[in-house]
Protein backbone atom coordinates (compact mmCIF):
# COMPACT_ATOMS: atom_id res chain seq x y z
CA UNK A 1 -43.47 15.35 -89.23
CA UNK A 2 -44.28 15.81 -92.80
CA UNK A 3 -44.66 19.42 -94.25
CA UNK A 4 -47.92 19.95 -95.73
CA UNK A 5 -48.20 23.19 -97.81
CA UNK A 6 -51.34 25.02 -98.56
CA UNK A 7 -53.33 24.09 -101.56
CA UNK A 8 -52.44 27.60 -103.19
CA UNK A 9 -48.79 26.82 -103.73
CA UNK A 10 -45.96 29.48 -103.01
CA UNK A 11 -45.60 30.03 -106.88
CA UNK A 12 -49.17 31.16 -107.24
CA UNK A 13 -50.57 34.48 -106.68
CA UNK A 14 -52.12 34.99 -103.27
CA UNK A 15 -55.72 36.44 -102.98
CA UNK A 16 -58.33 36.39 -100.27
CA UNK A 17 -61.73 36.01 -102.14
CA UNK A 18 -64.31 35.23 -99.34
CA UNK A 19 -65.01 35.31 -95.66
CA UNK A 20 -67.73 33.57 -93.55
CA UNK A 21 -70.40 35.42 -91.83
CA UNK A 22 -71.55 33.94 -88.42
CA UNK A 23 -74.99 35.20 -87.26
CA UNK A 24 -75.59 35.07 -83.51
CA UNK A 25 -79.28 34.65 -83.89
CA UNK A 26 -78.67 31.31 -85.95
CA UNK A 27 -76.14 29.95 -83.27
CA UNK A 28 -73.73 29.18 -86.31
CA UNK A 29 -70.60 27.31 -85.97
CA UNK A 30 -68.11 25.03 -87.59
CA UNK A 31 -67.18 21.81 -85.65
CA UNK A 32 -64.59 19.04 -85.61
CA UNK A 33 -63.64 16.37 -83.35
CA UNK A 34 -60.06 14.88 -84.03
CA UNK A 35 -59.73 11.13 -84.36
CA UNK A 36 -56.55 11.30 -82.42
CA UNK A 37 -54.93 13.52 -79.84
CA UNK A 38 -51.76 15.35 -80.72
CA UNK A 39 -49.81 18.29 -79.12
CA UNK A 40 -52.21 19.82 -76.42
CA UNK A 41 -49.21 22.16 -75.17
CA UNK A 42 -48.03 23.89 -78.40
CA UNK A 43 -50.12 25.37 -81.19
CA UNK A 44 -50.85 28.64 -83.00
CA UNK A 45 -54.27 29.92 -84.32
CA UNK A 46 -54.23 32.82 -86.83
CA UNK A 47 -57.36 34.38 -88.05
CA UNK A 48 -58.66 37.60 -89.53
CA UNK A 49 -62.01 38.52 -87.68
CA UNK A 50 -64.45 41.49 -88.14
CA UNK A 51 -67.18 41.91 -85.50
CA UNK A 52 -70.55 43.63 -85.90
CA UNK A 53 -71.57 44.04 -82.14
CA UNK A 54 -70.12 44.76 -78.76
CA UNK A 55 -72.88 43.46 -76.49
CA UNK A 56 -72.43 39.84 -76.50
CA UNK A 57 -69.67 37.19 -75.88
CA UNK A 58 -68.32 36.07 -79.30
CA UNK A 59 -66.07 32.95 -79.60
CA UNK A 60 -63.42 32.76 -82.32
CA UNK A 61 -62.31 29.34 -81.77
CA UNK A 62 -62.76 26.87 -78.80
CA UNK A 63 -62.25 23.13 -77.81
CA UNK A 64 -64.13 21.17 -75.24
CA UNK A 65 -67.66 21.98 -74.03
CA UNK A 66 -68.36 23.86 -70.76
CA UNK A 67 -68.67 22.88 -67.99
CA UNK A 68 -66.59 19.66 -68.79
CA UNK A 69 -62.93 19.97 -68.38
CA UNK A 70 -60.40 20.62 -70.02
CA UNK A 71 -61.85 23.48 -72.35
CA UNK A 72 -60.08 26.56 -73.97
CA UNK A 73 -61.65 29.48 -75.79
CA UNK A 74 -60.38 32.59 -77.71
CA UNK A 75 -63.14 35.09 -77.82
CA UNK A 76 -64.51 38.64 -77.56
CA UNK A 77 -66.52 39.43 -74.29
CA UNK A 78 -69.41 41.85 -74.12
CA UNK A 79 -67.36 44.88 -74.74
CA UNK A 80 -65.20 43.38 -77.55
CA UNK A 81 -62.50 42.94 -75.30
CA UNK A 82 -60.23 40.11 -76.30
CA UNK A 83 -60.15 37.19 -73.71
CA UNK A 84 -58.85 33.72 -73.63
CA UNK A 85 -59.55 31.15 -70.97
CA UNK A 86 -57.99 27.77 -70.32
CA UNK A 87 -59.86 25.58 -67.77
CA UNK A 88 -57.90 22.59 -66.65
CA UNK A 89 -58.08 20.30 -63.52
CA UNK A 90 -60.43 22.99 -61.72
CA UNK A 91 -58.14 25.85 -62.31
CA UNK A 92 -58.84 28.67 -64.68
CA UNK A 93 -56.10 30.62 -66.68
CA UNK A 94 -57.68 33.81 -67.99
CA UNK A 95 -56.12 36.65 -69.83
CA UNK A 96 -58.08 39.80 -70.89
CA UNK A 97 -56.91 42.79 -72.76
CA UNK A 98 -58.37 46.04 -74.20
CA UNK A 99 -61.32 46.48 -76.63
CA UNK A 100 -60.76 46.22 -80.34
CA UNK A 101 -62.75 48.01 -83.07
CA UNK A 102 -65.03 46.53 -85.33
CA UNK A 103 -62.91 46.65 -88.54
CA UNK A 104 -60.85 43.61 -89.77
CA UNK A 105 -58.27 42.70 -87.12
CA UNK A 106 -55.51 39.93 -87.38
CA UNK A 107 -55.48 37.89 -84.22
CA UNK A 108 -52.66 35.31 -83.38
CA UNK A 109 -53.09 32.92 -80.27
CA UNK A 110 -49.78 31.33 -79.96
CA UNK A 111 -49.56 28.83 -77.04
CA UNK A 112 -46.54 26.87 -75.65
CA UNK A 113 -46.81 25.65 -72.10
CA UNK A 114 -43.48 23.85 -72.26
CA UNK A 115 -41.52 27.39 -72.20
CA UNK A 116 -39.71 27.98 -68.88
CA UNK A 117 -40.58 31.65 -69.01
CA UNK A 118 -44.22 32.05 -67.86
CA UNK A 119 -45.03 34.98 -69.91
CA UNK A 120 -43.95 33.19 -73.18
CA UNK A 121 -46.52 30.18 -72.61
CA UNK A 122 -49.14 32.67 -74.15
CA UNK A 123 -48.51 35.04 -76.80
CA UNK A 124 -51.47 36.95 -78.15
CA UNK A 125 -51.04 39.43 -81.11
CA UNK A 126 -53.28 41.97 -82.79
CA UNK A 127 -52.31 43.22 -86.19
CA UNK A 128 -48.69 42.24 -85.72
CA UNK A 129 -48.45 43.83 -82.17
CA UNK A 130 -47.82 41.46 -79.03
CA UNK A 131 -50.22 42.23 -76.27
CA UNK A 132 -48.40 42.68 -72.90
CA UNK A 133 -50.87 44.32 -70.76
CA UNK A 134 -53.35 41.90 -69.22
CA UNK A 135 -55.91 41.53 -66.62
CA UNK A 136 -55.46 37.85 -65.70
CA UNK A 137 -56.26 34.98 -63.39
CA UNK A 138 -53.57 32.50 -63.17
CA UNK A 139 -50.88 32.66 -65.74
CA UNK A 140 -50.65 29.27 -67.70
CA UNK A 141 -48.77 26.80 -65.61
CA UNK A 142 -45.81 24.94 -67.28
CA UNK A 143 -46.51 21.77 -69.34
CA UNK A 144 -50.21 21.61 -68.82
CA UNK A 145 -52.42 20.09 -71.56
CA UNK A 146 -54.96 22.55 -72.51
CA UNK A 147 -57.25 20.24 -74.36
CA UNK A 148 -56.68 21.68 -77.79
CA UNK A 149 -55.92 18.78 -79.96
CA UNK A 150 -57.59 16.28 -77.67
CA UNK A 151 -60.25 14.04 -78.98
CA UNK A 152 -63.24 16.26 -78.05
CA UNK A 153 -65.17 18.94 -79.87
CA UNK A 154 -63.41 21.82 -81.63
CA UNK A 155 -65.48 24.74 -82.66
CA UNK A 156 -65.04 27.77 -85.01
CA UNK A 157 -67.38 30.75 -84.19
CA UNK A 158 -69.01 29.24 -81.06
CA UNK A 159 -68.46 27.95 -77.55
CA UNK A 160 -70.75 25.10 -77.14
CA UNK A 161 -73.22 24.97 -74.17
CA UNK A 162 -72.36 28.60 -73.38
CA UNK A 163 -73.48 29.70 -76.84
CA UNK A 164 -70.82 32.37 -77.25
CA UNK A 165 -71.46 32.81 -80.78
CA UNK A 166 -69.43 35.00 -83.41
CA UNK A 167 -71.42 37.88 -84.66
CA UNK A 168 -69.41 38.92 -87.69
CA UNK A 169 -66.88 37.69 -90.16
CA UNK A 170 -63.91 35.51 -90.25
CA UNK A 171 -61.40 34.41 -92.86
CA UNK A 172 -57.85 33.09 -93.49
CA UNK A 173 -57.99 30.90 -90.27
CA UNK A 174 -54.78 28.64 -89.91
CA UNK A 175 -54.27 26.37 -87.00
CA UNK A 176 -50.72 25.08 -86.65
CA UNK A 177 -50.41 21.84 -84.41
CA UNK A 178 -47.00 21.59 -82.69
CA UNK A 179 -45.67 25.07 -83.19
CA UNK A 180 -45.84 28.51 -81.39
CA UNK A 181 -45.44 30.96 -84.38
CA UNK A 182 -45.35 34.75 -84.82
CA UNK A 183 -47.84 36.92 -86.70
CA UNK A 184 -45.14 37.45 -89.44
CA UNK A 185 -45.76 33.94 -90.48
CA UNK A 186 -49.30 34.95 -91.74
CA UNK A 187 -49.08 38.70 -92.50
CA UNK A 188 -46.76 41.58 -93.14
CA UNK A 189 -46.55 45.60 -92.79
CA UNK A 190 -47.06 46.74 -96.18
CA UNK A 191 -46.15 50.41 -96.18
CA UNK A 192 -47.87 50.87 -92.98
CA UNK A 193 -50.97 48.61 -93.63
CA UNK A 194 -51.03 45.18 -91.85
CA UNK A 195 -51.84 42.66 -94.64
CA UNK A 196 -52.38 39.00 -94.99
CA UNK A 197 -49.78 36.91 -96.80
CA UNK A 198 -49.59 33.41 -97.89
CA UNK A 199 -48.46 30.96 -95.15
CA UNK A 200 -46.07 28.17 -96.47
CA UNK A 201 -45.15 26.46 -93.28
CA UNK A 202 -46.22 22.98 -92.15
CA UNK A 203 -49.64 22.51 -90.33
CA UNK A 204 -48.96 19.29 -88.14
CA UNK A 205 -51.48 16.35 -87.84
CA UNK A 206 -54.54 18.19 -86.62
CA UNK A 207 -53.68 21.67 -88.38
CA UNK A 208 -56.17 23.08 -90.81
CA UNK A 209 -56.62 26.08 -93.02
CA UNK A 210 -60.08 27.73 -93.40
CA UNK A 211 -60.24 29.88 -96.51
CA UNK A 212 -64.13 29.83 -96.94
CA UNK A 213 -63.76 30.17 -100.65
CA UNK A 214 -65.96 27.55 -101.56
CA UNK A 215 -69.64 28.19 -100.81
CA UNK A 216 -70.67 24.55 -101.57
CA UNK A 217 -68.14 23.18 -99.12
CA UNK A 218 -68.02 25.84 -96.19
CA UNK A 219 -66.04 23.66 -93.68
CA UNK A 220 -63.12 22.63 -96.32
CA UNK A 221 -59.64 22.36 -94.90
CA UNK A 222 -57.50 23.65 -97.42
CA UNK A 223 -54.23 22.70 -95.77
CA UNK A 224 -54.02 19.38 -97.48
CA UNK A 225 -54.64 17.55 -94.16
CA UNK A 226 -58.29 16.66 -94.84
CA UNK A 227 -59.26 18.12 -91.47
CA UNK A 228 -62.71 19.18 -92.69
CA UNK A 229 -65.16 20.96 -90.16
CA UNK A 230 -68.90 20.33 -90.15
CA UNK A 231 -71.12 23.59 -90.55
CA UNK A 232 -73.98 23.98 -88.33
CA UNK A 233 -76.79 26.67 -89.14
CA UNK A 234 -74.49 28.07 -92.05
CA UNK A 235 -75.56 28.29 -95.63
CA UNK A 236 -73.86 29.03 -99.00
CA UNK A 237 -75.34 32.80 -98.45
CA UNK A 238 -73.07 33.22 -95.44
CA UNK A 239 -69.98 33.26 -97.69
CA UNK A 240 -69.29 36.93 -98.32
CA UNK A 241 -66.96 38.87 -100.42
CA UNK A 242 -65.90 41.35 -97.49
CA UNK A 243 -62.24 40.61 -97.01
CA UNK A 244 -59.24 42.08 -95.10
CA UNK A 245 -56.32 43.72 -96.95
CA UNK A 246 -53.81 41.00 -98.52
CA UNK A 247 -50.57 41.06 -100.31
CA UNK A 248 -51.18 39.95 -103.83
C-alpha cells in the first residue's frame, strides 16, 4: 500500500484555519460512495467536534443507510452522550459512554474486528483518554465486516433516513483505511492542553482528510487520495474560523 502524506508536508508549519458548521435545521451533510470496497474490519476516524445542543441525535460519521444493513454510526445521542452502533446481519453492536461538554473535543474511533481480544476491537478516545466504561449491547464479534469502506453511502454530519444531523462544528477529520491508530497520531498533550498536531502517516485507499479550509470546495479531500465528498445543504458561509487548539 502506498504511503500518501497530507498536502501540508511535515516541513510546513501546521495550522488549523477553519471548521465547518452543520445546521440541524438544514439537514446538512457531506456524502461519498467509495467506488471499490476495501478494509471493512480495520480503520480509524479522528475528528475535532464542537456541539451546540444536547436535545437531538447528532451523527459525526456514518456509513450505510438505516434500515438497510450493514450500517455503522458514530454519534451523540439526545443528551450529548457519545454512542457508536454497528448493525450487521440483524445484530446490533452498541456502545454508549458519558456525556461530553460543548467545547471542542477530540474524538478517535478506532476499530479492528480482527483482534482476538474483544475489548480491543473498538477503541474510543476523547481528548486522548481511552473510554473504558460503557453501557453496551453486544461487543463487536471477531472478524465481522462493519460496512465501513464498502460501496455504499458514507456521510459526515448525518445518518441518512434517520436524519441524525450534527448541530455544531467539525474540523481536522482524518479517516485511515486499514489501520487502528491511537490519538497520539493526531494530537498531543501540550503542557496540560490537548492540541491537534499534523498527521504524517498513510491513509489507505479509501482514507481521506477533511480540513474544511477552502470555502469554495467544502468537501475537498486533502489527503492526496482524491476521495472528495459532496456537500448537501452546505454553503461557503458555513466555513468558520472557530477552531480547536493546535500545535504550530
